[in-house]
Amino acid sequence: MTPEFIYDQKYKDTVFGFNDISFREFENCKFENCDLSGCSFLATMFIDCEFINCSFKDAEVNYVGLRNVNFITCNFTRVNFAMIDQTIFEFTFTDCNLEFAQFYGLKLKKQLFSNCSMISVDFSETDLTMALFDNCNLHRAVFTKANAEKADFYTSYNYEIDPQTTKLKKAIFSRNGLEGLLTRHQLVLK
């Protein structure tokens, strides 16, 4: 089935149904105040798109392609990104809710997360080389067997990352955040 091509469209205050997104390629489109949580994303591609204040809460984003896509103030609670199309992808998250999201095993080199709530996010076995976590709440985020070399956590907080199970060579942390690297040792820092 050949995907339907949609170019330079604006969607505002739209609730998308189960089949409204599948088998479509959106290029240079803008989505504002939209609800995509009930959509099937089968064979869906977004290129040069922007999503502002949209909900993807509990959505199954399997097999979606994201190329130069910006998500601003969007809700991704409990979304599993592990099956997204990784052929060529690039996306950023700004002021987003990513609580309980899963990025298991993805290659997210140079990924940008800015001002995001990332409580209990699963980054197990994820390549986060040179990723930027700018002012993100990483409470209970899991980084087991992840590669976070040269990643920047300087302004982020509430993380607990075990340097014995996560590659952290040349990763950047603030002095105030060092406690989050020592949790497993049960040290008392004053």
Protein backbone atom coordinates (compact mmCIF):
# COMPACT_ATOMS: atom_id res chain seq x y z
CA MET A 1 0.00 0.00 0.00
CA THR A 2 1.42 3.38 -1.05
CA PRO A 3 1.30 5.95 1.75
CA GLU A 4 -0.78 9.08 1.27
CA PHE A 5 1.45 12.16 1.12
CA ILE A 6 0.32 15.24 3.09
CA TYR A 7 2.36 18.45 2.78
CA ASP A 8 2.33 21.80 4.60
CA GLN A 9 -0.89 21.29 6.57
CA LYS A 10 -1.86 22.74 9.94
CA TYR A 11 -3.98 20.79 12.41
CA LYS A 12 -5.40 22.52 15.47
CA ASP A 13 -7.66 21.19 18.24
CA THR A 14 -8.06 17.91 16.35
CA VAL A 15 -8.75 14.49 17.85
CA PHE A 16 -7.36 11.86 15.49
CA GLY A 17 -9.07 8.48 15.29
CA PHE A 18 -7.47 5.05 15.10
CA ASN A 19 -6.91 5.03 11.31
CA ASP A 20 -6.46 8.77 10.69
CA ILE A 21 -2.63 8.64 10.78
CA SER A 22 -1.71 5.17 9.44
CA PHE A 23 -0.23 4.81 5.95
CA ARG A 24 0.40 8.56 5.69
CA GLU A 25 3.50 10.65 5.26
CA PHE A 26 3.29 14.14 6.75
CA GLU A 27 5.89 16.69 5.66
CA ASN A 28 6.26 20.24 6.95
CA CYS A 29 3.06 19.93 8.99
CA LYS A 30 2.15 21.56 12.29
CA PHE A 31 -0.03 19.95 14.96
CA GLU A 32 -1.30 22.13 17.80
CA ASN A 33 -3.50 21.05 20.73
CA CYS A 34 -4.16 17.70 19.04
CA ASP A 35 -4.94 14.32 20.57
CA LEU A 36 -3.13 11.45 18.86
CA SER A 37 -3.37 9.03 21.76
CA GLY A 38 -5.91 6.73 20.08
CA CYS A 39 -4.07 6.45 16.75
CA SER A 40 -2.43 3.53 15.07
CA PHE A 41 0.90 4.70 13.69
CA LEU A 42 1.38 1.86 11.24
CA ALA A 43 3.59 2.94 8.30
CA THR A 44 3.43 6.59 9.38
CA MET A 45 6.17 9.12 8.66
CA PHE A 46 6.62 12.66 9.99
CA ILE A 47 9.24 14.82 8.24
CA ASP A 48 10.03 18.41 9.28
CA CYS A 49 6.96 18.51 11.54
CA GLU A 50 6.17 20.28 14.79
CA PHE A 51 3.84 19.15 17.57
CA ILE A 52 2.78 21.72 20.18
CA ASN A 53 0.73 20.78 23.24
CA CYS A 54 -0.33 17.42 21.79
CA SER A 55 -1.19 14.21 23.62
CA PHE A 56 0.29 10.84 22.72
CA LYS A 57 -0.50 9.41 26.17
CA ASP A 58 -0.49 5.57 26.05
CA ALA A 59 -0.23 5.64 22.23
CA GLU A 60 1.33 2.71 20.38
CA VAL A 61 3.87 4.48 18.17
CA ASN A 62 5.23 1.29 16.60
CA TYR A 63 6.76 1.70 13.16
CA VAL A 64 6.49 5.48 13.05
CA GLY A 65 9.27 7.43 11.34
CA LEU A 66 10.42 10.72 12.85
CA ARG A 67 12.76 12.89 10.78
CA ASN A 68 13.50 16.39 12.05
CA VAL A 69 10.45 16.49 14.33
CA ASN A 70 10.05 18.84 17.30
CA PHE A 71 7.76 18.01 20.22
CA ILE A 72 6.93 20.96 22.48
CA THR A 73 4.79 20.61 25.66
CA CYS A 74 3.54 17.19 24.54
CA ASN A 75 2.39 14.31 26.74
CA PHE A 76 4.08 10.95 26.10
CA THR A 77 3.16 9.23 29.37
CA ARG A 78 3.72 5.46 29.07
CA VAL A 79 4.67 5.57 25.37
CA ASN A 80 7.03 2.84 24.18
CA PHE A 81 9.41 4.22 21.54
CA ALA A 82 11.39 0.97 21.24
CA MET A 83 9.85 -0.02 17.89
CA ILE A 84 10.07 3.31 16.03
CA ASP A 85 11.68 3.33 12.60
CA GLN A 86 15.38 4.02 13.21
CA THR A 87 16.51 4.18 9.59
CA ILE A 88 17.04 7.94 9.66
CA PHE A 89 15.48 9.71 12.58
CA GLU A 90 15.87 12.94 14.49
CA PHE A 91 13.55 14.46 17.03
CA THR A 92 13.66 16.74 20.07
CA PHE A 93 11.58 17.03 23.21
CA THR A 94 11.04 20.41 24.91
CA ASP A 95 8.85 20.87 27.99
CA CYS A 96 7.37 17.40 27.48
CA ASN A 97 5.94 14.82 29.88
CA LEU A 98 7.81 11.57 29.17
CA GLU A 99 6.96 9.84 32.44
CA PHE A 100 7.13 6.03 32.24
CA ALA A 101 8.17 6.20 28.56
CA GLN A 102 10.45 3.48 27.16
CA PHE A 103 13.45 4.05 24.92
CA TYR A 104 14.87 0.56 25.43
CA GLY A 105 17.74 -0.28 23.08
CA LEU A 106 17.43 2.79 20.82
CA LYS A 107 20.32 4.73 19.33
CA LEU A 108 19.73 8.28 20.59
CA LYS A 109 23.10 9.86 19.94
CA LYS A 110 23.04 13.65 20.44
CA GLN A 111 19.38 13.45 21.49
CA LEU A 112 17.95 16.64 23.06
CA PHE A 113 15.64 16.53 26.07
CA SER A 114 14.95 20.01 27.47
CA ASN A 115 12.85 20.81 30.56
CA CYS A 116 11.18 17.40 30.48
CA SER A 117 9.61 15.34 33.25
CA MET A 118 11.22 11.93 32.75
CA ILE A 119 10.14 10.09 35.88
CA SER A 120 10.69 6.31 35.58
CA VAL A 121 11.82 6.49 31.94
CA ASP A 122 13.53 3.32 30.72
CA PHE A 123 16.82 3.95 28.91
CA SER A 124 18.12 0.39 29.39
CA GLU A 125 20.67 -0.56 26.73
CA THR A 126 20.12 2.78 24.97
CA ASP A 127 22.93 4.64 23.20
CA LEU A 128 22.79 8.14 24.69
CA THR A 129 26.25 9.21 23.53
CA MET A 130 26.46 13.03 23.63
CA ALA A 131 22.76 13.35 24.55
CA LEU A 132 21.73 16.55 26.31
CA PHE A 133 19.44 16.35 29.33
CA ASP A 134 18.78 20.04 29.95
CA ASN A 135 16.93 20.68 33.23
CA CYS A 136 15.14 17.31 33.24
CA ASN A 137 13.65 15.48 36.20
CA LEU A 138 15.12 11.97 35.94
CA HIS A 139 13.66 10.54 39.16
CA ARG A 140 13.76 6.73 38.99
CA ALA A 141 14.91 6.75 35.35
CA VAL A 142 16.68 3.50 34.45
CA PHE A 143 20.03 3.58 32.64
CA THR A 144 21.09 -0.08 33.04
CA LYS A 145 23.63 -1.09 30.34
CA ALA A 146 23.16 2.28 28.60
CA ASN A 147 25.96 4.17 26.93
CA ALA A 148 25.86 7.75 28.20
CA GLU A 149 29.42 8.67 27.29
CA LYS A 150 29.84 12.42 26.79
CA ALA A 151 26.16 12.94 27.72
CA ASP A 152 25.34 16.19 29.49
CA PHE A 153 23.39 15.88 32.75
CA TYR A 154 24.74 19.13 34.21
CA THR A 155 21.40 20.87 34.81
CA SER A 156 19.27 17.76 35.35
CA TYR A 157 18.29 16.36 38.72
CA ASN A 158 16.89 13.44 40.75
CA TYR A 159 18.86 10.84 38.79
CA GLU A 160 20.43 7.69 40.17
CA ILE A 161 22.88 6.26 37.66
CA ASP A 162 25.17 3.37 38.52
CA PRO A 163 28.59 3.92 36.90
CA GLN A 164 29.22 0.17 37.14
CA THR A 165 26.30 -0.69 34.82
CA THR A 166 26.24 2.45 32.65
CA LYS A 167 29.03 3.79 30.42
CA LEU A 168 29.65 7.37 31.60
CA LYS A 169 33.12 8.22 30.29
CA LYS A 170 33.39 12.03 29.92
CA ALA A 171 29.71 12.52 30.82
CA ILE A 172 29.01 15.92 32.39
CA PHE A 173 27.47 16.25 35.86
CA SER A 174 27.21 19.12 38.32
CA ARG A 175 28.91 18.74 41.70
CA ASN A 176 25.44 18.82 43.28
CA GLY A 177 24.42 15.84 41.16
CA LEU A 178 27.27 13.56 42.21
CA GLU A 179 25.07 12.05 44.91
CA GLY A 180 23.00 10.41 42.15
CA LEU A 181 26.10 8.50 40.99
CA LEU A 182 26.86 7.15 44.45
CA THR A 183 23.45 5.88 45.56
CA ARG A 184 24.29 2.19 45.29
CA HIS A 185 27.17 2.70 47.74
CA GLN A 186 24.81 4.04 50.44
CA LEU A 187 27.17 6.86 51.34
CA VAL A 188 26.02 9.77 53.45
CA LEU A 189 26.96 13.08 51.79
CA LYS A 190 26.83 16.33 53.73
